[in-house]
C-alpha cells in the first residue's frame, strides 16, 4: 500500500467496537536463539517466555532470535533466554512460575482476561514508572491498551494484533464454477458455495476441534454477530443475563446449520486446528481460518483469497473480522524489571515492528508500524478489513477459564451431535458454577468491567 492510500494510524480500527537457551521447565519447548552466547561474569540475563503462533511459528522464532541478537549487541553485559511454550500451556506454565516466584521476567500471554487473571493473582508488575509513557502512547488501536488498565494502573502492553479472517482458494472456486473474486458474504451464500464445491469433489471448509486449540478463532467469527459491542457479553458473565438468550447463543444454531449442510470435512472432530490449515495448504479444502497469512501467501500466491466471516446476525458486529491484541508484561517477581522494560521497548522500535510483520505477517499493535511496506494484496485487504470492518474479539470480555472449559466445549459438543440449545444450557450452567467457585475472580472481573 503506497503513501497515498495509507490509513491514518490513529483512527485505525475505527470499527473495532471496542508470542535461546533452554530452561529446565517441563512441557516447555526451548527456542533456538543463543541469547548471547558470550555470557560472562556480571552478565544480566533476562528470561523471556512466549508462544509463537501456530500459523507462523518457524518464521516468528527466526525473527525473534535475530531481535535478541540485536538487543544483546546493543546492550553489553546482557543476555536473553528465550523460551517458547505450547499454546495449551501458556497460561498454566506461567501460573506455576508465579506460584514459585521463579521463571520469566518478561512474559507473553493471550489477550484480555487471559492476562488480567494474572493481575488479580499478583503475578504482574504495573508498567507505570518502568516503561516509558511514549511507548505506551503508540498502542494501536488506543482502545486495546484500555483492556489492560485496572485500579488506575496499566499492566500489559499490546504486542501484535491478530485478526482472524477466512481464507479461500480461488483456484478451487473456479473449478467449482464460483466467482473467485466474490466470496460468500452471507450464511446462505456460504451454504450455496459449499454445495457447489462438494459437487466438484472439493471439501468446502477444512476445520478441526480435537484438543480444543483454535476454537476461539472459529467461534469469534460468529458469537458476537447479534451484538452491537462485544462488551454486551459482560452482563452474561456477571449473571445479569442468560447465555441461553438467542442474542448470545443463536450462533450455535448457525454452526449446526453449517454442519447439516456439510460445509465442513466429515472428520472435523478427529482433526486439530493445525491439521485443517495443512489441508488448506495442500489444496484439499476451499476455506480455512488463520491469524497470519504469510505461509499461505507463499504457497498459494495469487490463488489465496481473504474474506470476512459470512454475515449471519442482526447486530452491528455481524460480518466483522474479530481480532485480539496479544500483550507482553513484566512479572511481579522479576528482579530485572528495568531490563525487561528495555527489551519490551526494543520490540516496539519501528525496525522491529516492520521486521515482525515482514517475517510473520502479524500486524504490530503500534502506530509506528509502516503499513506501506505491505507487499501482498492479501495483506493489504486484511489491513483494510481490520481497519474498517473489525471488532475486538469476545475473549477480551469473557473469563479465560470459561473459554477452554466452557464455550470451547460447546462448539466441540455441537460438532459431536449435541443440540445447540442443549449446548447453550450447558454454557450457562458452567458459568453459574464458575461464579460460585471463583468469587474473588468474579469480584475482580466485575470491578474491571465497570472501570
Protein backbone atom coordinates (compact mmCIF):
# COMPACT_ATOMS: atom_id res chain seq x y z
CA UNK A 1 0.00 0.00 0.00
CA UNK A 2 1.56 3.31 -1.03
CA UNK A 3 1.50 6.50 0.98
CA UNK A 4 -1.46 7.93 -0.90
CA UNK A 5 -3.72 5.14 0.33
CA UNK A 6 -2.18 4.54 3.75
CA UNK A 7 -4.69 4.77 6.58
CA UNK A 8 -4.50 7.30 9.38
CA UNK A 9 -2.92 5.17 12.08
CA UNK A 10 -4.57 6.95 15.00
CA UNK A 11 -8.03 6.22 13.56
CA UNK A 12 -7.08 2.64 12.74
CA UNK A 13 -9.77 0.19 13.84
CA UNK A 14 -12.45 2.84 13.81
CA UNK A 15 -14.90 -0.05 13.53
CA UNK A 16 -13.34 -2.06 16.33
CA UNK A 17 -16.14 -1.58 18.86
CA UNK A 18 -14.36 -1.98 21.15
CA UNK A 19 4.22 -14.72 21.15
CA UNK A 20 17.69 -19.02 23.27
CA UNK A 21 18.65 -21.12 25.63
CA UNK A 22 16.57 -23.90 27.14
CA UNK A 23 15.14 -23.62 30.62
CA UNK A 24 14.53 -26.80 32.59
CA UNK A 25 10.75 -26.41 32.79
CA UNK A 26 8.62 -29.47 31.99
CA UNK A 27 6.38 -29.07 28.99
CA UNK A 28 8.25 -26.13 27.50
CA UNK A 29 9.76 -26.09 24.06
CA UNK A 30 13.01 -24.17 24.08
CA UNK A 31 13.73 -21.60 21.43
CA UNK A 32 16.84 -21.84 19.33
CA UNK A 33 18.17 -18.35 19.97
CA UNK A 34 21.57 -18.27 21.65
CA UNK A 35 20.52 -15.44 23.96
CA UNK A 36 24.02 -14.04 23.79
CA UNK A 37 26.41 -16.96 23.84
CA UNK A 38 29.32 -14.95 25.24
CA UNK A 39 27.87 -14.61 28.71
CA UNK A 40 30.47 -13.82 31.31
CA UNK A 41 30.72 -12.78 34.91
CA UNK A 42 28.36 -9.93 35.68
CA UNK A 43 26.06 -10.66 32.74
CA UNK A 44 22.45 -9.76 33.45
CA UNK A 45 20.18 -12.38 31.92
CA UNK A 46 16.57 -11.67 31.04
CA UNK A 47 14.21 -14.65 30.90
CA UNK A 48 11.53 -14.25 28.24
CA UNK A 49 8.68 -16.76 27.93
CA UNK A 50 6.40 -16.59 24.92
CA UNK A 51 4.36 -18.53 22.37
CA UNK A 52 4.97 -18.24 18.63
CA UNK A 53 1.69 -18.67 16.80
CA UNK A 54 0.67 -21.96 15.25
CA UNK A 55 0.36 -20.27 11.88
CA UNK A 56 3.87 -18.74 11.69
CA UNK A 57 5.87 -20.45 14.45
CA UNK A 58 9.09 -21.03 12.50
CA UNK A 59 9.13 -17.56 10.97
CA UNK A 60 8.39 -15.89 14.29
CA UNK A 61 11.10 -17.86 16.09
CA UNK A 62 13.69 -16.93 13.47
CA UNK A 63 12.73 -13.27 13.65
CA UNK A 64 12.82 -13.26 17.45
CA UNK A 65 16.29 -14.84 17.51
CA UNK A 66 17.52 -12.01 15.32
CA UNK A 67 15.96 -9.32 17.50
CA UNK A 68 17.52 -10.86 20.60
CA UNK A 69 20.97 -10.82 18.98
CA UNK A 70 20.49 -7.14 18.10
CA UNK A 71 19.39 -6.33 21.65
CA UNK A 72 22.33 -8.14 23.23
CA UNK A 73 24.76 -6.43 20.84
CA UNK A 74 23.31 -3.03 21.68
CA UNK A 75 23.30 -3.68 25.44
CA UNK A 76 26.64 -5.06 26.54
CA UNK A 77 26.55 -7.19 29.67
CA UNK A 78 23.07 -8.52 28.93
CA UNK A 79 21.69 -11.82 27.67
CA UNK A 80 18.19 -13.06 26.85
CA UNK A 81 16.98 -16.60 27.44
CA UNK A 82 14.05 -17.08 25.09
CA UNK A 83 11.74 -19.98 25.91
CA UNK A 84 8.75 -20.80 23.73
CA UNK A 85 5.73 -22.58 25.14
CA UNK A 86 2.86 -24.61 23.67
CA UNK A 87 -0.42 -22.76 23.23
CA UNK A 88 -2.25 -25.09 25.61
CA UNK A 89 0.29 -24.48 28.40
CA UNK A 90 0.96 -20.77 28.06
CA UNK A 91 -1.26 -19.83 30.99
CA UNK A 92 -0.72 -22.89 33.22
CA UNK A 93 3.07 -22.76 32.96
CA UNK A 94 3.12 -19.11 33.90
CA UNK A 95 0.79 -19.73 36.85
CA UNK A 96 3.24 -22.36 38.12
CA UNK A 97 6.11 -19.92 37.69
CA UNK A 98 4.24 -17.23 39.58
CA UNK A 99 3.42 -19.57 42.45
CA UNK A 100 7.08 -20.48 42.80
CA UNK A 101 8.16 -16.86 42.15
CA UNK A 102 10.73 -18.08 39.63
CA UNK A 103 10.92 -18.13 35.87
CA UNK A 104 10.19 -15.38 33.38
CA UNK A 105 10.94 -11.70 33.70
CA UNK A 106 9.06 -10.75 30.57
CA UNK A 107 6.00 -12.80 29.65
CA UNK A 108 3.68 -13.14 26.67
CA UNK A 109 0.05 -14.07 27.21
CA UNK A 110 -3.20 -14.12 25.30
CA UNK A 111 -5.44 -11.10 25.35
CA UNK A 112 -7.92 -9.64 27.80
CA UNK A 113 -8.81 -11.73 30.89
CA UNK A 114 -6.20 -14.31 29.89
CA UNK A 115 -3.74 -11.64 31.04
CA UNK A 116 -5.89 -9.86 33.62
CA UNK A 117 -6.31 -13.04 35.67
CA UNK A 118 -2.61 -12.76 36.47
CA UNK A 119 -3.00 -9.15 37.53
CA UNK A 120 -5.57 -10.36 40.03
CA UNK A 121 -3.26 -13.18 41.13
CA UNK A 122 -0.50 -10.59 41.72
CA UNK A 123 1.79 -12.12 39.09
CA UNK A 124 2.23 -8.94 37.04
CA UNK A 125 4.02 -5.69 37.81
CA UNK A 126 2.47 -2.42 36.61
CA UNK A 127 4.21 -0.79 33.67
CA UNK A 128 3.72 2.71 35.02
CA UNK A 129 7.05 4.22 36.03
CA UNK A 130 9.04 1.38 34.45
CA UNK A 131 8.10 1.55 30.77
CA UNK A 132 8.22 4.99 29.20
CA UNK A 133 4.88 6.63 28.57
CA UNK A 134 5.77 7.35 24.94
CA UNK A 135 5.91 3.64 24.08
CA UNK A 136 2.52 3.08 25.70
CA UNK A 137 1.17 6.09 23.81
CA UNK A 138 1.76 4.41 20.45
CA UNK A 139 -0.56 1.43 21.03
CA UNK A 140 -2.79 0.73 18.03
CA UNK A 141 -5.72 0.82 18.38
CA UNK A 142 -5.59 3.03 21.50
CA UNK A 143 -8.60 1.21 22.97
CA UNK A 144 -6.58 -2.01 23.15
CA UNK A 145 -4.45 -0.55 25.94
CA UNK A 146 -7.58 0.20 27.99
CA UNK A 147 -8.24 -3.53 28.36
CA UNK A 148 -5.06 -3.80 30.45
CA UNK A 149 -5.89 -0.95 32.83
CA UNK A 150 -7.09 -1.77 36.33
CA UNK A 151 -7.17 0.26 39.55
CA UNK A 152 -5.58 3.22 37.82
CA UNK A 153 -2.55 1.31 36.51
CA UNK A 154 -1.51 -0.20 33.18
CA UNK A 155 -0.44 -3.83 33.47
CA UNK A 156 0.42 -5.04 29.96
CA UNK A 157 1.40 -3.68 26.56
CA UNK A 158 -0.28 -4.97 23.38
CA UNK A 159 2.38 -6.54 21.16
CA UNK A 160 0.63 -7.62 17.98
CA UNK A 161 -2.90 -7.67 16.64
CA UNK A 162 -4.18 -10.98 15.36
CA UNK A 163 -7.16 -10.55 13.01
CA UNK A 164 -8.91 -13.82 12.20
CA UNK A 165 -10.17 -13.91 8.60
CA UNK A 166 -11.38 -16.76 6.48
CA UNK A 167 -9.02 -17.76 3.67
CA UNK A 168 -10.32 -19.27 0.47
CA UNK A 169 -8.71 -20.93 -2.54
CA UNK A 170 -9.56 -19.04 -5.71
CA UNK A 171 -8.47 -21.91 -7.99
CA UNK A 172 -10.89 -24.28 -6.24
CA UNK A 173 -13.62 -21.67 -6.52
CA UNK A 174 -13.03 -21.52 -10.27
CA UNK A 175 -13.05 -25.32 -10.51
CA UNK A 176 -16.45 -25.35 -8.78
CA UNK A 177 -17.87 -22.69 -11.09
CA UNK A 178 -17.81 -19.97 -8.40
CA UNK A 179 -16.63 -16.40 -8.89
CA UNK A 180 -13.17 -16.26 -7.24
CA UNK A 181 -13.50 -12.52 -6.73
CA UNK A 182 -16.85 -12.74 -4.93
CA UNK A 183 -16.57 -14.95 -1.82
CA UNK A 184 -19.80 -15.64 0.11
CA UNK A 185 -20.91 -12.69 2.20
CA UNK A 186 -23.88 -14.31 3.98
CA UNK A 187 -24.68 -17.69 5.51
CA UNK A 188 -26.99 -18.57 2.61
CA UNK A 189 -24.22 -17.75 0.14
CA UNK A 190 -21.73 -19.85 2.12
CA UNK A 191 -24.02 -22.86 2.12
CA UNK A 192 -24.69 -22.43 -1.59
CA UNK A 193 -20.95 -22.18 -2.32
CA UNK A 194 -20.31 -25.27 -0.18
CA UNK A 195 -22.82 -27.24 -2.24
CA UNK A 196 -21.08 -26.21 -5.48
CA UNK A 197 -17.69 -27.15 -4.04
CA UNK A 198 -18.88 -30.56 -2.88
CA UNK A 199 -20.43 -31.22 -6.31
CA UNK A 200 -16.97 -30.58 -7.78
CA UNK A 201 -15.43 -33.07 -5.34
CA UNK A 202 -13.95 -30.39 -3.08
CA UNK A 203 -14.21 -30.24 0.73
CA UNK A 204 -15.62 -26.78 1.47
CA UNK A 205 -14.32 -25.69 4.89
CA UNK A 206 -11.41 -27.54 6.49
CA UNK A 207 -11.62 -27.48 10.27
CA UNK A 208 -10.71 -29.48 13.38
CA UNK A 209 -11.87 -29.27 17.01
CA UNK A 210 -9.77 -32.04 18.57
CA UNK A 211 -7.89 -30.84 21.70
CA UNK A 212 -9.83 -27.54 21.59
CA UNK A 213 -6.99 -25.38 20.20
CA UNK A 214 -8.21 -22.77 17.72
CA UNK A 215 -11.86 -22.93 18.71
CA UNK A 216 -11.73 -19.33 19.90
CA UNK A 217 -10.67 -18.27 16.42
CA UNK A 218 -13.65 -20.10 14.97
CA UNK A 219 -16.33 -19.10 17.48
CA UNK A 220 -15.21 -15.46 17.44
CA UNK A 221 -16.39 -15.26 13.83
CA UNK A 222 -19.97 -15.86 14.89
CA UNK A 223 -20.64 -15.40 18.61
CA UNK A 224 -20.88 -11.59 18.62
CA UNK A 225 -22.85 -11.21 15.39
CA UNK A 226 -26.07 -10.35 17.26
CA UNK A 227 -24.26 -7.70 19.32
CA UNK A 228 -23.52 -4.04 18.75
CA UNK A 229 -20.48 -4.11 21.04
CA UNK A 230 -18.55 -7.12 22.40
CA UNK A 231 -18.86 -5.62 25.90
CA UNK A 232 -22.51 -6.67 25.78
CA UNK A 233 -21.23 -10.09 26.90
CA UNK A 234 -20.33 -8.72 30.33
CA UNK A 235 -23.86 -8.98 31.85
CA UNK A 236 -23.88 -12.67 30.87
CA UNK A 237 -20.56 -13.21 32.63
CA UNK A 238 -21.81 -11.38 35.71
CA UNK A 239 -25.06 -13.37 35.85
CA UNK A 240 -27.33 -10.46 34.94
CA UNK A 241 -28.45 -12.04 31.66
CA UNK A 242 -28.70 -15.64 30.45
CA UNK A 243 -26.45 -17.14 27.82
CA UNK A 244 -29.45 -19.09 26.58
CA UNK A 245 -30.93 -15.82 25.25
CA UNK A 246 -30.72 -16.14 21.44
CA UNK A 247 -28.89 -12.82 21.37
CA UNK A 248 -25.88 -14.64 22.80
CA UNK A 249 -26.32 -18.29 21.80
CA UNK A 250 -28.05 -18.27 18.42
CA UNK A 251 -24.64 -18.60 16.79
CA UNK A 252 -24.53 -22.24 17.89
CA UNK A 253 -27.57 -22.90 15.69
CA UNK A 254 -25.66 -21.37 12.76
CA UNK A 255 -22.84 -23.83 13.44
CA UNK A 256 -25.38 -26.67 13.38
CA UNK A 257 -26.82 -25.26 10.17
CA UNK A 258 -23.38 -25.41 8.55
CA UNK A 259 -22.78 -28.93 9.85
CA UNK A 260 -26.12 -30.12 8.45
CA UNK A 261 -25.26 -28.50 5.11
CA UNK A 262 -21.95 -30.44 5.05
CA UNK A 263 -19.87 -27.27 4.98
CA UNK A 264 -17.08 -28.95 6.97
CA UNK A 265 -14.91 -32.01 6.48
CA UNK A 266 -16.64 -35.09 7.98
CA UNK A 267 -13.66 -35.87 10.27
CA UNK A 268 -13.70 -32.44 11.95
CA UNK A 269 -13.82 -33.95 15.46
CA UNK A 270 -10.74 -36.08 14.73
CA UNK A 271 -8.54 -33.27 13.42
CA UNK A 272 -6.70 -30.48 15.21
CA UNK A 273 -6.62 -26.82 14.24
CA UNK A 274 -3.20 -27.14 12.57
CA UNK A 275 -4.36 -30.21 10.61
CA UNK A 276 -7.06 -28.13 8.96
CA UNK A 277 -4.57 -25.45 7.90
CA UNK A 278 -2.39 -28.18 6.40
CA UNK A 279 -5.44 -29.36 4.46
CA UNK A 280 -5.80 -25.88 3.05
CA UNK A 281 -2.11 -25.64 2.18
CA UNK A 282 -2.38 -28.94 0.33
CA UNK A 283 -5.37 -27.74 -1.70
CA UNK A 284 -7.71 -30.25 -0.04
CA UNK A 285 -10.29 -27.71 1.13
CA UNK A 286 -11.56 -24.37 -0.11
CA UNK A 287 -11.85 -22.44 3.21
CA UNK A 288 -9.78 -22.30 6.40
CA UNK A 289 -9.16 -20.00 9.36
CA UNK A 290 -5.90 -18.22 10.08
CA UNK A 291 -4.39 -15.36 12.07
CA UNK A 292 -1.34 -14.99 9.79
CA UNK A 293 -1.32 -15.16 6.00
CA UNK A 294 2.44 -15.48 5.46
CA UNK A 295 2.90 -19.16 4.69
CA UNK A 296 -0.39 -19.35 2.83
CA UNK A 297 0.63 -16.47 0.58
CA UNK A 298 3.90 -18.24 -0.16
CA UNK A 299 2.11 -21.48 -1.05
CA UNK A 300 -0.96 -20.24 -2.94
CA UNK A 301 0.26 -16.86 -4.21
CA UNK A 302 -2.47 -15.27 -6.34
CA UNK A 303 -4.91 -18.10 -5.60
CA UNK A 304 -5.19 -17.03 -1.95
CA UNK A 305 -8.36 -15.12 -1.16
CA UNK A 306 -9.17 -13.34 2.10
CA UNK A 307 -12.66 -12.64 3.38
CA UNK A 308 -14.65 -11.59 6.42
CA UNK A 309 -16.90 -14.20 8.05
CA UNK A 310 -20.31 -14.57 6.41
CA UNK A 311 -22.89 -12.23 7.86
CA UNK A 312 -25.41 -14.15 9.96
CA UNK A 313 -26.61 -11.98 12.83
CA UNK A 314 -28.60 -8.78 13.25
CA UNK A 315 -26.13 -6.75 15.31
CA UNK A 316 -23.68 -4.07 14.24
CA UNK A 317 -20.87 -6.61 14.63
CA UNK A 318 -22.35 -9.02 12.07
CA UNK A 319 -19.86 -9.91 9.34
CA UNK A 320 -16.90 -8.26 11.06
CA UNK A 321 -13.40 -9.70 11.35
CA UNK A 322 -12.51 -10.14 15.01
CA UNK A 323 -9.03 -9.54 16.40
CA UNK A 324 -7.16 -9.78 19.68
CA UNK A 325 -4.28 -7.60 20.85
CA UNK A 326 -1.90 -10.10 22.46
CA UNK A 327 0.30 -8.41 25.08
CA UNK A 328 3.62 -8.66 26.86
CA UNK A 329 4.07 -7.83 30.54
CA UNK A 330 6.71 -7.70 33.26
CA UNK A 331 6.35 -10.26 36.04
CA UNK A 332 5.87 -9.14 39.61
CA UNK A 333 8.61 -11.49 40.83
CA UNK A 334 11.23 -10.34 38.33
CA UNK A 335 14.40 -8.82 39.76
CA UNK A 336 15.18 -7.32 36.35
CA UNK A 337 12.15 -5.14 35.74
CA UNK A 338 14.12 -2.30 34.17
CA UNK A 339 15.87 -4.66 31.75
CA UNK A 340 12.52 -6.24 30.90
CA UNK A 341 11.08 -2.80 30.16
CA UNK A 342 14.10 -2.01 28.00
CA UNK A 343 13.62 -5.16 25.91
CA UNK A 344 9.88 -4.51 25.72
CA UNK A 345 10.56 -1.04 24.32
CA UNK A 346 13.17 -2.55 21.97
CA UNK A 347 10.48 -4.81 20.48
CA UNK A 348 8.46 -1.68 19.72
CA UNK A 349 11.14 0.11 17.69
CA UNK A 350 9.95 0.78 14.11
CA UNK A 351 12.70 -1.55 12.81
CA UNK A 352 11.48 -4.41 15.00
CA UNK A 353 7.83 -3.75 14.22
CA UNK A 354 8.39 -3.75 10.48
CA UNK A 355 10.63 -6.82 10.78
CA UNK A 356 7.96 -8.68 12.73
CA UNK A 357 5.40 -8.04 10.02
CA UNK A 358 7.82 -8.98 7.24
CA UNK A 359 8.72 -12.27 8.94
CA UNK A 360 5.33 -13.34 10.26
CA UNK A 361 2.57 -11.34 8.63
CA UNK A 362 1.27 -10.16 12.02
CA UNK A 363 0.26 -6.53 12.34
CA UNK A 364 2.14 -4.91 15.26
CA UNK A 365 -0.09 -3.15 17.78
CA UNK A 366 1.86 0.09 17.40
CA UNK A 367 1.20 3.12 15.20
CA UNK A 368 4.90 3.26 14.27
CA UNK A 369 4.45 0.19 12.11
CA UNK A 370 4.77 1.28 8.48
CA UNK A 371 1.80 -0.27 6.72
CA UNK A 372 3.08 0.97 3.36
CA UNK A 373 5.64 -1.86 3.49
CA UNK A 374 2.91 -4.45 2.91
CA UNK A 375 3.94 -6.41 -0.12
CA UNK A 376 0.90 -8.53 -0.93
CA UNK A 377 -2.66 -7.70 -1.97
CA UNK A 378 -3.96 -10.19 0.62
CA UNK A 379 -2.24 -8.37 3.49
CA UNK A 380 -3.49 -5.07 2.16
CA UNK A 381 -7.01 -6.46 2.05
CA UNK A 382 -6.76 -7.81 5.60
CA UNK A 383 -5.40 -4.45 6.78
CA UNK A 384 -8.43 -2.77 5.23
CA UNK A 385 -10.78 -5.26 6.87
CA UNK A 386 -9.11 -4.78 10.22
CA UNK A 387 -9.22 -1.01 9.85
CA UNK A 388 -12.80 -0.66 8.68
CA UNK A 389 -14.71 -3.90 9.32
CA UNK A 390 -13.44 -5.36 12.58
CA UNK A 391 -14.22 -5.81 16.25
CA UNK A 392 -12.13 -6.58 19.29
CA UNK A 393 -12.81 -10.25 19.97
CA UNK A 394 -15.18 -11.67 22.55
CA UNK A 395 -12.27 -13.20 24.51
CA UNK A 396 -11.39 -9.74 25.80
CA UNK A 397 -14.66 -9.68 27.75
CA UNK A 398 -15.02 -13.34 28.71
CA UNK A 399 -13.31 -15.14 31.64
CA UNK A 400 -10.36 -17.10 30.33
CA UNK A 401 -11.31 -20.14 32.41
CA UNK A 402 -14.71 -20.12 30.72
CA UNK A 403 -13.12 -20.39 27.27
CA UNK A 404 -11.43 -23.79 27.12
CA UNK A 405 -13.54 -25.09 29.99
CA UNK A 406 -16.87 -23.84 28.70
CA UNK A 407 -17.51 -22.14 25.35
CA UNK A 408 -14.92 -24.27 23.54
CA UNK A 409 -16.67 -27.37 24.88
CA UNK A 410 -19.98 -26.12 23.47
CA UNK A 411 -18.53 -25.91 19.96
CA UNK A 412 -16.98 -29.34 20.31
CA UNK A 413 -20.31 -30.69 21.56
CA UNK A 414 -22.30 -29.30 18.64
CA UNK A 415 -19.84 -30.81 16.18
CA UNK A 416 -20.29 -34.11 18.04
CA UNK A 417 -24.08 -34.02 17.69
CA UNK A 418 -25.36 -32.13 20.75
CA UNK A 419 -28.31 -29.87 20.04
CA UNK A 420 -27.34 -26.15 20.03
CA UNK A 421 -29.97 -25.34 22.67
CA UNK A 422 -28.55 -28.04 24.97
CA UNK A 423 -25.01 -26.76 24.39
CA UNK A 424 -26.14 -23.23 25.31
CA UNK A 425 -27.77 -24.51 28.50
CA UNK A 426 -24.52 -26.23 29.43
CA UNK A 427 -22.58 -22.98 28.85
CA UNK A 428 -24.96 -21.18 31.21
CA UNK A 429 -24.66 -23.93 33.84
CA UNK A 430 -20.87 -23.86 33.73
CA UNK A 431 -20.92 -20.06 34.01
CA UNK A 432 -23.07 -20.40 37.14
CA UNK A 433 -20.68 -22.94 38.63
CA UNK A 434 -17.74 -20.67 37.86
CA UNK A 435 -19.40 -17.70 39.56
CA UNK A 436 -19.93 -19.80 42.70
CA UNK A 437 -16.45 -21.29 42.80
CA UNK A 438 -14.46 -18.20 41.77
CA UNK A 439 -15.99 -15.49 43.90
CA UNK A 440 -12.77 -13.48 44.17
CA UNK A 441 -12.11 -13.63 40.42
CA UNK A 442 -15.73 -12.66 39.77
CA UNK A 443 -15.35 -9.69 42.11
CA UNK A 444 -12.25 -8.53 40.25
CA UNK A 445 -13.88 -9.15 36.88
CA UNK A 446 -16.84 -7.06 37.95
CA UNK A 447 -14.60 -4.23 39.17
CA UNK A 448 -12.55 -4.31 35.96
CA UNK A 449 -15.59 -4.45 33.69
CA UNK A 450 -17.08 -1.42 35.40
CA UNK A 451 -13.94 0.69 35.01
